[in-house]
Amino acid sequence: MNNITEAINKALTRLEEKGDIVITTTTLEPIAEEIIGAIGSYMDDLLDGNEYRAVTNSLNVLVNDVVVNSGNFQTIIGLDKNELKCVLEKLISHIPKL
């Protein structure tokens, strides 16, 4: 079971314990998988696989202090700077207004 499935299972269990929902199945996995599928289909509409990997590669670079220069940017990130800028603009356009 992955972390997302575990988080969804815990949330469903808390909601049931509070009386907000009633779960009538003996296992939460089918419910969690349905929720993950719904979220995944939304993400597919926003980013394609290469774009999603570039975002995760970029975050990995940041948290692990990897040095990225112009010569190795596309190799490490997976997209060139202009392509990644377009991905950033897509993500920013989907951030809810505060």
PDB file of N, CA and C in Angstrom:
ATOM      1  N   MET A   1       0.849  -1.172   0.000  1.00  0.00           N
ATOM      2  CA  MET A   1       0.000   0.000   0.000  1.00  0.00           C
ATOM      3  C   MET A   1       0.903   1.246   0.000  1.00  0.00           C
ATOM      4  N   ASN A   2       0.595   2.204  -0.874  1.00  0.00           N
ATOM      5  CA  ASN A   2       1.423   3.408  -0.927  1.00  0.00           C
ATOM      6  C   ASN A   2       0.921   4.465   0.053  1.00  0.00           C
ATOM      7  N   ASN A   3       1.687   5.524   0.203  1.00  0.00           N
ATOM      8  CA  ASN A   3       1.364   6.579   1.175  1.00  0.00           C
ATOM      9  C   ASN A   3       0.041   7.261   0.871  1.00  0.00           C
ATOM     10  N   ILE A   4      -0.259   7.447  -0.414  1.00  0.00           N
ATOM     11  CA  ILE A   4      -1.519   8.101  -0.771  1.00  0.00           C
ATOM     12  C   ILE A   4      -2.694   7.226  -0.372  1.00  0.00           C
ATOM     13  N   THR A   5      -2.597   5.946  -0.661  1.00  0.00           N
ATOM     14  CA  THR A   5      -3.666   5.015  -0.284  1.00  0.00           C
ATOM     15  C   THR A   5      -3.842   4.993   1.229  1.00  0.00           C
ATOM     16  N   GLU A   6      -2.744   4.973   1.966  1.00  0.00           N
ATOM     17  CA  GLU A   6      -2.809   4.979   3.431  1.00  0.00           C
ATOM     18  C   GLU A   6      -3.471   6.252   3.947  1.00  0.00           C
ATOM     19  N   ALA A   7      -3.115   7.396   3.360  1.00  0.00           N
ATOM     20  CA  ALA A   7      -3.705   8.669   3.796  1.00  0.00           C
ATOM     21  C   ALA A   7      -5.202   8.690   3.528  1.00  0.00           C
ATOM     22  N   ILE A   8      -5.609   8.195   2.364  1.00  0.00           N
ATOM     23  CA  ILE A   8      -7.038   8.151   2.036  1.00  0.00           C
ATOM     24  C   ILE A   8      -7.760   7.200   2.989  1.00  0.00           C
ATOM     25  N   ASN A   9      -7.183   6.038   3.243  1.00  0.00           N
ATOM     26  CA  ASN A   9      -7.798   5.079   4.167  1.00  0.00           C
ATOM     27  C   ASN A   9      -7.977   5.685   5.558  1.00  0.00           C
ATOM     28  N   LYS A  10      -6.956   6.407   6.048  1.00  0.00           N
ATOM     29  CA  LYS A  10      -7.055   7.037   7.366  1.00  0.00           C
ATOM     30  C   LYS A  10      -8.143   8.101   7.381  1.00  0.00           C
ATOM     31  N   ALA A  11      -8.213   8.890   6.304  1.00  0.00           N
ATOM     32  CA  ALA A  11      -9.238   9.933   6.227  1.00  0.00           C
ATOM     33  C   ALA A  11     -10.631   9.317   6.203  1.00  0.00           C
ATOM     34  N   LEU A  12     -10.811   8.265   5.427  1.00  0.00           N
ATOM     35  CA  LEU A  12     -12.114   7.596   5.369  1.00  0.00           C
ATOM     36  C   LEU A  12     -12.489   7.021   6.730  1.00  0.00           C
ATOM     37  N   THR A  13     -11.532   6.420   7.404  1.00  0.00           N
ATOM     38  CA  THR A  13     -11.787   5.860   8.733  1.00  0.00           C
ATOM     39  C   THR A  13     -12.180   6.954   9.721  1.00  0.00           C
ATOM     40  N   ARG A  14     -11.463   8.097   9.693  1.00  0.00           N
ATOM     41  CA  ARG A  14     -11.818   9.215  10.595  1.00  0.00           C
ATOM     42  C   ARG A  14     -13.228   9.724  10.302  1.00  0.00           C
ATOM     43  N   LEU A  15     -13.553   9.860   8.994  1.00  0.00           N
ATOM     44  CA  LEU A  15     -14.891  10.332   8.638  1.00  0.00           C
ATOM     45  C   LEU A  15     -15.969   9.373   9.114  1.00  0.00           C
ATOM     46  N   GLU A  16     -15.697   8.074   9.001  1.00  0.00           N
ATOM     47  CA  GLU A  16     -16.682   7.093   9.464  1.00  0.00           C
ATOM     48  C   GLU A  16     -16.807   7.128  10.988  1.00  0.00           C
ATOM     49  N   GLU A  17     -15.692   7.250  11.681  1.00  0.00           N
ATOM     50  CA  GLU A  17     -15.724   7.312  13.145  1.00  0.00           C
ATOM     51  C   GLU A  17     -16.485   8.535  13.648  1.00  0.00           C
ATOM     52  N   LYS A  18     -16.402   9.640  12.909  1.00  0.00           N
ATOM     53  CA  LYS A  18     -17.127  10.855  13.275  1.00  0.00           C
ATOM     54  C   LYS A  18     -18.600  10.773  12.893  1.00  0.00           C
ATOM     55  N   GLY A  19     -18.979   9.782  12.112  1.00  0.00           N
ATOM     56  CA  GLY A  19     -20.358   9.643  11.686  1.00  0.00           C
ATOM     57  C   GLY A  19     -20.696  10.438  10.434  1.00  0.00           C
ATOM     58  N   ASP A  20     -19.675  10.978   9.752  1.00  0.00           N
ATOM     59  CA  ASP A  20     -19.916  11.766   8.546  1.00  0.00           C
ATOM     60  C   ASP A  20     -20.237  10.895   7.333  1.00  0.00           C
ATOM     61  N   ILE A  21     -19.698   9.680   7.309  1.00  0.00           N
ATOM     62  CA  ILE A  21     -19.981   8.750   6.220  1.00  0.00           C
ATOM     63  C   ILE A  21     -20.200   7.362   6.805  1.00  0.00           C
ATOM     64  N   VAL A  22     -20.806   6.504   6.011  1.00  0.00           N
ATOM     65  CA  VAL A  22     -20.975   5.105   6.383  1.00  0.00           C
ATOM     66  C   VAL A  22     -20.340   4.275   5.282  1.00  0.00           C
ATOM     67  N   ILE A  23     -19.370   3.458   5.665  1.00  0.00           N
ATOM     68  CA  ILE A  23     -18.691   2.584   4.704  1.00  0.00           C
ATOM     69  C   ILE A  23     -19.306   1.206   4.831  1.00  0.00           C
ATOM     70  N   THR A  24     -19.777   0.678   3.705  1.00  0.00           N
ATOM     71  CA  THR A  24     -20.472  -0.615   3.745  1.00  0.00           C
ATOM     72  C   THR A  24     -19.646  -1.747   3.163  1.00  0.00           C
ATOM     73  N   THR A  25     -18.375  -1.504   2.904  1.00  0.00           N
ATOM     74  CA  THR A  25     -17.502  -2.555   2.386  1.00  0.00           C
ATOM     75  C   THR A  25     -16.540  -2.983   3.489  1.00  0.00           C
ATOM     76  N   THR A  26     -16.026  -4.176   3.383  1.00  0.00           N
ATOM     77  CA  THR A  26     -15.113  -4.678   4.417  1.00  0.00           C
ATOM     78  C   THR A  26     -13.689  -4.187   4.223  1.00  0.00           C
ATOM     79  N   THR A  27     -13.371  -3.677   3.050  1.00  0.00           N
ATOM     80  CA  THR A  27     -12.030  -3.172   2.788  1.00  0.00           C
ATOM     81  C   THR A  27     -12.100  -1.795   2.137  1.00  0.00           C
ATOM     82  N   LEU A  28     -11.190  -0.928   2.514  1.00  0.00           N
ATOM     83  CA  LEU A  28     -11.189   0.444   2.012  1.00  0.00           C
ATOM     84  C   LEU A  28     -10.462   0.594   0.673  1.00  0.00           C
ATOM     85  N   GLU A  29      -9.666  -0.408   0.285  1.00  0.00           N
ATOM     86  CA  GLU A  29      -8.835  -0.273  -0.907  1.00  0.00           C
ATOM     87  C   GLU A  29      -9.611   0.079  -2.179  1.00  0.00           C
ATOM     88  N   PRO A  30     -10.760  -0.547  -2.460  1.00  0.00           N
ATOM     89  CA  PRO A  30     -11.483  -0.158  -3.684  1.00  0.00           C
ATOM     90  C   PRO A  30     -11.925   1.310  -3.675  1.00  0.00           C
ATOM     91  N   ILE A  31     -12.285   1.812  -2.509  1.00  0.00           N
ATOM     92  CA  ILE A  31     -12.684   3.218  -2.398  1.00  0.00           C
ATOM     93  C   ILE A  31     -11.470   4.110  -2.629  1.00  0.00           C
ATOM     94  N   ALA A  32     -10.358   3.778  -1.977  1.00  0.00           N
ATOM     95  CA  ALA A  32      -9.137   4.567  -2.132  1.00  0.00           C
ATOM     96  C   ALA A  32      -8.665   4.562  -3.581  1.00  0.00           C
ATOM     97  N   GLU A  33      -8.716   3.413  -4.230  1.00  0.00           N
ATOM     98  CA  GLU A  33      -8.278   3.328  -5.629  1.00  0.00           C
ATOM     99  C   GLU A  33      -9.171   4.164  -6.539  1.00  0.00           C
ATOM    100  N   GLU A  34     -10.451   4.206  -6.263  1.00  0.00           N
ATOM    101  CA  GLU A  34     -11.371   5.035  -7.051  1.00  0.00           C
ATOM    102  C   GLU A  34     -11.031   6.518  -6.881  1.00  0.00           C
ATOM    103  N   ILE A  35     -10.732   6.923  -5.659  1.00  0.00           N
ATOM    104  CA  ILE A  35     -10.367   8.313  -5.394  1.00  0.00           C
ATOM    105  C   ILE A  35      -9.041   8.644  -6.083  1.00  0.00           C
ATOM    106  N   ILE A  36      -8.064   7.772  -5.975  1.00  0.00           N
ATOM    107  CA  ILE A  36      -6.772   7.990  -6.620  1.00  0.00           C
ATOM    108  C   ILE A  36      -6.955   8.085  -8.134  1.00  0.00           C
ATOM    109  N   GLY A  37      -7.786   7.240  -8.709  1.00  0.00           N
ATOM    110  CA  GLY A  37      -8.049   7.290 -10.145  1.00  0.00           C
ATOM    111  C   GLY A  37      -8.667   8.610 -10.564  1.00  0.00           C
ATOM    112  N   ALA A  38      -9.587   9.105  -9.748  1.00  0.00           N
ATOM    113  CA  ALA A  38     -10.234  10.385 -10.060  1.00  0.00           C
ATOM    114  C   ALA A  38      -9.219  11.526 -10.009  1.00  0.00           C
ATOM    115  N   ILE A  39      -8.362  11.504  -9.014  1.00  0.00           N
ATOM    116  CA  ILE A  39      -7.326  12.539  -8.907  1.00  0.00           C
ATOM    117  C   ILE A  39      -6.347  12.402 -10.067  1.00  0.00           C
ATOM    118  N   GLY A  40      -5.966  11.186 -10.389  1.00  0.00           N
ATOM    119  CA  GLY A  40      -5.032  10.953 -11.490  1.00  0.00           C
ATOM    120  C   GLY A  40      -5.579  11.439 -12.815  1.00  0.00           C
ATOM    121  N   SER A  41      -6.871  11.251 -13.054  1.00  0.00           N
ATOM    122  CA  SER A  41      -7.439  11.703 -14.320  1.00  0.00           C
ATOM    123  C   SER A  41      -7.444  13.223 -14.388  1.00  0.00           C
ATOM    124  N   TYR A  42      -7.580  13.891 -13.264  1.00  0.00           N
ATOM    125  CA  TYR A  42      -7.486  15.347 -13.241  1.00  0.00           C
ATOM    126  C   TYR A  42      -6.062  15.785 -13.550  1.00  0.00           C
ATOM    127  N   MET A  43      -5.087  15.115 -12.942  1.00  0.00           N
ATOM    128  CA  MET A  43      -3.695  15.460 -13.186  1.00  0.00           C
ATOM    129  C   MET A  43      -3.320  15.237 -14.643  1.00  0.00           C
ATOM    130  N   ASP A  44      -3.857  14.178 -15.260  1.00  0.00           N
ATOM    131  CA  ASP A  44      -3.572  13.927 -16.670  1.00  0.00           C
ATOM    132  C   ASP A  44      -4.072  15.074 -17.533  1.00  0.00           C
ATOM    133  N   ASP A  45      -5.169  15.708 -17.122  1.00  0.00           N
ATOM    134  CA  ASP A  45      -5.680  16.850 -17.865  1.00  0.00           C
ATOM    135  C   ASP A  45      -4.778  18.069 -17.701  1.00  0.00           C
ATOM    136  N   LEU A  46      -4.070  18.147 -16.595  1.00  0.00           N
ATOM    137  CA  LEU A  46      -3.237  19.308 -16.308  1.00  0.00           C
ATOM    138  C   LEU A  46      -1.824  19.120 -16.858  1.00  0.00           C
ATOM    139  N   LEU A  47      -1.173  18.034 -16.504  1.00  0.00           N
ATOM    140  CA  LEU A  47       0.203  17.770 -16.927  1.00  0.00           C
ATOM    141  C   LEU A  47       0.296  16.410 -17.583  1.00  0.00           C
ATOM    142  N   ASP A  48       1.160  16.295 -18.594  1.00  0.00           N
ATOM    143  CA  ASP A  48       1.412  14.971 -19.142  1.00  0.00           C
ATOM    144  C   ASP A  48       2.536  14.324 -18.323  1.00  0.00           C
ATOM    145  N   GLY A  49       2.850  13.087 -18.627  1.00  0.00           N
ATOM    146  CA  GLY A  49       3.848  12.348 -17.845  1.00  0.00           C
ATOM    147  C   GLY A  49       5.206  13.020 -17.807  1.00  0.00           C
ATOM    148  N   ASN A  50       5.682  13.523 -18.940  1.00  0.00           N
ATOM    149  CA  ASN A  50       6.989  14.191 -18.974  1.00  0.00           C
ATOM    150  C   ASN A  50       6.984  15.454 -18.135  1.00  0.00           C
ATOM    151  N   GLU A  51       5.894  16.201 -18.186  1.00  0.00           N
ATOM    152  CA  GLU A  51       5.792  17.423 -17.393  1.00  0.00           C
ATOM    153  C   GLU A  51       5.748  17.107 -15.900  1.00  0.00           C
ATOM    154  N   TYR A  52       4.981  16.089 -15.537  1.00  0.00           N
ATOM    155  CA  TYR A  52       4.884  15.678 -14.138  1.00  0.00           C
ATOM    156  C   TYR A  52       6.256  15.238 -13.623  1.00  0.00           C
ATOM    157  N   ARG A  53       6.991  14.441 -14.433  1.00  0.00           N
ATOM    158  CA  ARG A  53       8.322  14.004 -14.025  1.00  0.00           C
ATOM    159  C   ARG A  53       9.273  15.188 -13.885  1.00  0.00           C
ATOM    160  N   ALA A  54       9.159  16.167 -14.771  1.00  0.00           N
ATOM    161  CA  ALA A  54      10.021  17.353 -14.685  1.00  0.00           C
ATOM    162  C   ALA A  54       9.767  18.120 -13.390  1.00  0.00           C
ATOM    163  N   VAL A  55       8.513  18.210 -12.982  1.00  0.00           N
ATOM    164  CA  VAL A  55       8.191  18.886 -11.717  1.00  0.00           C
ATOM    165  C   VAL A  55       8.783  18.108 -10.547  1.00  0.00           C
ATOM    166  N   THR A  56       8.602  16.797 -10.536  1.00  0.00           N
ATOM    167  CA  THR A  56       9.157  16.006  -9.429  1.00  0.00           C
ATOM    168  C   THR A  56      10.687  16.023  -9.460  1.00  0.00           C
ATOM    169  N   ASN A  57      11.293  16.003 -10.650  1.00  0.00           N
ATOM    170  CA  ASN A  57      12.753  16.109 -10.748  1.00  0.00           C
ATOM    171  C   ASN A  57      13.223  17.456 -10.212  1.00  0.00           C
ATOM    172  N   SER A  58      12.489  18.523 -10.519  1.00  0.00           N
ATOM    173  CA  SER A  58      12.854  19.857 -10.041  1.00  0.00           C
ATOM    174  C   SER A  58      12.788  19.930  -8.515  1.00  0.00           C
ATOM    175  N   LEU A  59      11.749  19.359  -7.945  1.00  0.00           N
ATOM    176  CA  LEU A  59      11.633  19.347  -6.486  1.00  0.00           C
ATOM    177  C   LEU A  59      12.747  18.511  -5.862  1.00  0.00           C
ATOM    178  N   ASN A  60      13.068  17.396  -6.495  1.00  0.00           N
ATOM    179  CA  ASN A  60      14.158  16.549  -6.010  1.00  0.00           C
ATOM    180  C   ASN A  60      15.478  17.316  -6.009  1.00  0.00           C
ATOM    181  N   VAL A  61      15.727  18.078  -7.065  1.00  0.00           N
ATOM    182  CA  VAL A  61      16.927  18.910  -7.156  1.00  0.00           C
ATOM    183  C   VAL A  61      16.974  19.900  -5.995  1.00  0.00           C
ATOM    184  N   LEU A  62      15.837  20.532  -5.718  1.00  0.00           N
ATOM    185  CA  LEU A  62      15.794  21.524  -4.643  1.00  0.00           C
ATOM    186  C   LEU A  62      16.052  20.920  -3.273  1.00  0.00           C
ATOM    187  N   VAL A  63      15.386  19.834  -2.962  1.00  0.00           N
ATOM    188  CA  VAL A  63      15.507  19.275  -1.610  1.00  0.00           C
ATOM    189  C   VAL A  63      16.833  18.547  -1.388  1.00  0.00           C
ATOM    190  N   ASN A  64      17.495  18.139  -2.469  1.00  0.00           N
ATOM    191  CA  ASN A  64      18.757  17.413  -2.331  1.00  0.00           C
ATOM    192  C   ASN A  64      19.971  18.245  -2.726  1.00  0.00           C
ATOM    193  N   ASP A  65      19.777  19.559  -2.911  1.00  0.00           N
ATOM    194  CA  ASP A  65      20.874  20.488  -3.209  1.00  0.00           C
ATOM    195  C   ASP A  65      21.715  20.052  -4.409  1.00  0.00           C
ATOM    196  N   VAL A  66      21.061  19.554  -5.442  1.00  0.00           N
ATOM    197  CA  VAL A  66      21.759  19.173  -6.669  1.00  0.00           C
ATOM    198  C   VAL A  66      22.066  20.439  -7.463  1.00  0.00           C
ATOM    199  N   VAL A  67      23.285  20.542  -7.961  1.00  0.00           N
ATOM    200  CA  VAL A  67      23.675  21.699  -8.764  1.00  0.00           C
ATOM    201  C   VAL A  67      23.265  21.447 -10.209  1.00  0.00           C
ATOM    202  N   VAL A  68      22.475  22.368 -10.749  1.00  0.00           N
ATOM    203  CA  VAL A  68      22.006  22.258 -12.131  1.00  0.00           C
ATOM    204  C   VAL A  68      22.464  23.513 -12.866  1.00  0.00           C
ATOM    205  N   ASN A  69      23.240  23.303 -13.923  1.00  0.00           N
ATOM    206  CA  ASN A  69      23.634  24.444 -14.738  1.00  0.00           C
ATOM    207  C   ASN A  69      23.012  24.288 -16.124  1.00  0.00           C
ATOM    208  N   SER A  70      23.226  25.253 -16.973  1.00  0.00           N
ATOM    209  CA  SER A  70      22.608  25.230 -18.300  1.00  0.00           C
ATOM    210  C   SER A  70      22.982  23.986 -19.095  1.00  0.00           C
ATOM    211  N   GLY A  71      24.202  23.504 -18.897  1.00  0.00           N
ATOM    212  CA  GLY A  71      24.661  22.351 -19.665  1.00  0.00           C
ATOM    213  C   GLY A  71      23.999  21.034 -19.290  1.00  0.00           C
ATOM    214  N   ASN A  72      23.555  20.900 -18.042  1.00  0.00           N
ATOM    215  CA  ASN A  72      22.936  19.626 -17.633  1.00  0.00           C
ATOM    216  C   ASN A  72      21.476  19.773 -17.231  1.00  0.00           C
ATOM    217  N   PHE A  73      20.892  20.948 -17.463  1.00  0.00           N
ATOM    218  CA  PHE A  73      19.518  21.222 -17.038  1.00  0.00           C
ATOM    219  C   PHE A  73      18.532  20.208 -17.618  1.00  0.00           C
ATOM    220  N   GLN A  74      18.509  20.071 -18.949  1.00  0.00           N
ATOM    221  CA  GLN A  74      17.527  19.180 -19.573  1.00  0.00           C
ATOM    222  C   GLN A  74      17.777  17.719 -19.196  1.00  0.00           C
ATOM    223  N   THR A  75      19.033  17.347 -19.050  1.00  0.00           N
ATOM    224  CA  THR A  75      19.349  15.963 -18.666  1.00  0.00           C
ATOM    225  C   THR A  75      18.817  15.644 -17.277  1.00  0.00           C
ATOM    226  N   ILE A  76      18.975  16.569 -16.341  1.00  0.00           N
ATOM    227  CA  ILE A  76      18.549  16.326 -14.962  1.00  0.00           C
ATOM    228  C   ILE A  76      17.046  16.547 -14.788  1.00  0.00           C
ATOM    229  N   ILE A  77      16.518  17.610 -15.353  1.00  0.00           N
ATOM    230  CA  ILE A  77      15.109  17.960 -15.155  1.00  0.00           C
ATOM    231  C   ILE A  77      14.200  17.184 -16.103  1.00  0.00           C
ATOM    232  N   GLY A  78      14.643  16.989 -17.333  1.00  0.00           N
ATOM    233  CA  GLY A  78      13.818  16.253 -18.297  1.00  0.00           C
ATOM    234  C   GLY A  78      13.174  17.142 -19.347  1.00  0.00           C
ATOM    235  N   LEU A  79      13.173  18.438 -19.117  1.00  0.00           N
ATOM    236  CA  LEU A  79      12.663  19.424 -20.071  1.00  0.00           C
ATOM    237  C   LEU A  79      13.674  20.558 -20.121  1.00  0.00           C
ATOM    238  N   ASP A  80      13.666  21.313 -21.218  1.00  0.00           N
ATOM    239  CA  ASP A  80      14.538  22.487 -21.229  1.00  0.00           C
ATOM    240  C   ASP A  80      13.856  23.607 -20.439  1.00  0.00           C
ATOM    241  N   LYS A  81      14.565  24.703 -20.233  1.00  0.00           N
ATOM    242  CA  LYS A  81      14.050  25.777 -19.374  1.00  0.00           C
ATOM    243  C   LYS A  81      12.753  26.376 -19.909  1.00  0.00           C
ATOM    244  N   ASN A  82      12.651  26.562 -21.212  1.00  0.00           N
ATOM    245  CA  ASN A  82      11.425  27.127 -21.780  1.00  0.00           C
ATOM    246  C   ASN A  82      10.236  26.189 -21.587  1.00  0.00           C
ATOM    247  N   GLU A  83      10.473  24.894 -21.771  1.00  0.00           N
ATOM    248  CA  GLU A  83       9.393  23.914 -21.570  1.00  0.00           C
ATOM    249  C   GLU A  83       8.966  23.895 -20.109  1.00  0.00           C
ATOM    250  N   LEU A  84       9.935  23.940 -19.194  1.00  0.00           N
ATOM    251  CA  LEU A  84       9.600  23.932 -17.769  1.00  0.00           C
ATOM    252  C   LEU A  84       8.881  25.220 -17.373  1.00  0.00           C
ATOM    253  N   LYS A  85       9.225  26.334 -17.998  1.00  0.00           N
ATOM    254  CA  LYS A  85       8.526  27.589 -17.735  1.00  0.00           C
ATOM    255  C   LYS A  85       7.055  27.457 -18.123  1.00  0.00           C
ATOM    256  N   CYS A  86       6.760  26.789 -19.236  1.00  0.00           N
ATOM    257  CA  CYS A  86       5.370  26.562 -19.651  1.00  0.00           C
ATOM    258  C   CYS A  86       4.627  25.696 -18.640  1.00  0.00           C
ATOM    259  N   VAL A  87       5.312  24.691 -18.093  1.00  0.00           N
ATOM    260  CA  VAL A  87       4.707  23.847 -17.062  1.00  0.00           C
ATOM    261  C   VAL A  87       4.386  24.690 -15.831  1.00  0.00           C
ATOM    262  N   LEU A  88       5.314  25.536 -15.432  1.00  0.00           N
ATOM    263  CA  LEU A  88       5.081  26.421 -14.290  1.00  0.00           C
ATOM    264  C   LEU A  88       3.873  27.310 -14.530  1.00  0.00           C
ATOM    265  N   GLU A  89       3.750  27.855 -15.725  1.00  0.00           N
ATOM    266  CA  GLU A  89       2.604  28.709 -16.046  1.00  0.00           C
ATOM    267  C   GLU A  89       1.294  27.929 -15.982  1.00  0.00           C
ATOM    268  N   LYS A  90       1.309  26.661 -16.427  1.00  0.00           N
ATOM    269  CA  LYS A  90       0.107  25.815 -16.308  1.00  0.00           C
ATOM    270  C   LYS A  90      -0.278  25.648 -14.849  1.00  0.00           C
ATOM    271  N   LEU A  91       0.716  25.321 -14.025  1.00  0.00           N
ATOM    272  CA  LEU A  91       0.440  25.095 -12.606  1.00  0.00           C
ATOM    273  C   LEU A  91      -0.069  26.367 -11.938  1.00  0.00           C
ATOM    274  N   ILE A  92       0.569  27.485 -12.214  1.00  0.00           N
ATOM    275  CA  ILE A  92       0.147  28.755 -11.614  1.00  0.00           C
ATOM    276  C   ILE A  92      -1.276  29.100 -12.023  1.00  0.00           C
ATOM    277  N   SER A  93      -1.623  28.808 -13.264  1.00  0.00           N
ATOM    278  CA  SER A  93      -2.976  29.153 -13.739  1.00  0.00           C
ATOM    279  C   SER A  93      -4.043  28.312 -13.048  1.00  0.00           C
ATOM    280  N   HIS A  94      -3.660  27.205 -12.422  1.00  0.00           N
ATOM    281  CA  HIS A  94      -4.632  26.340 -11.729  1.00  0.00           C
ATOM    282  C   HIS A  94      -4.638  26.536 -10.213  1.00  0.00           C
ATOM    283  N   ILE A  95      -3.816  27.445  -9.716  1.00  0.00           N
ATOM    284  CA  ILE A  95      -3.815  27.722  -8.279  1.00  0.00           C
ATOM    285  C   ILE A  95      -5.038  28.567  -7.967  1.00  0.00           C
ATOM    286  N   PRO A  96      -5.848  28.126  -7.009  1.00  0.00           N
ATOM    287  CA  PRO A  96      -7.032  28.915  -6.651  1.00  0.00           C
ATOM    288  C   PRO A  96      -6.647  30.293  -6.118  1.00  0.00           C
ATOM    289  N   LYS A  97      -7.438  31.272  -6.456  1.00  0.00           N
ATOM    290  CA  LYS A  97      -7.228  32.633  -5.960  1.00  0.00           C
ATOM    291  C   LYS A  97      -7.529  32.675  -4.463  1.00  0.00           C
ATOM    292  N   LEU A  98      -6.705  33.417  -3.729  1.00  0.00           N
ATOM    293  CA  LEU A  98      -6.933  33.559  -2.284  1.00  0.00           C
ATOM    294  C   LEU A  98      -7.837  34.731  -1.995  1.00  0.00           C
TER     295      LEU A  98
END
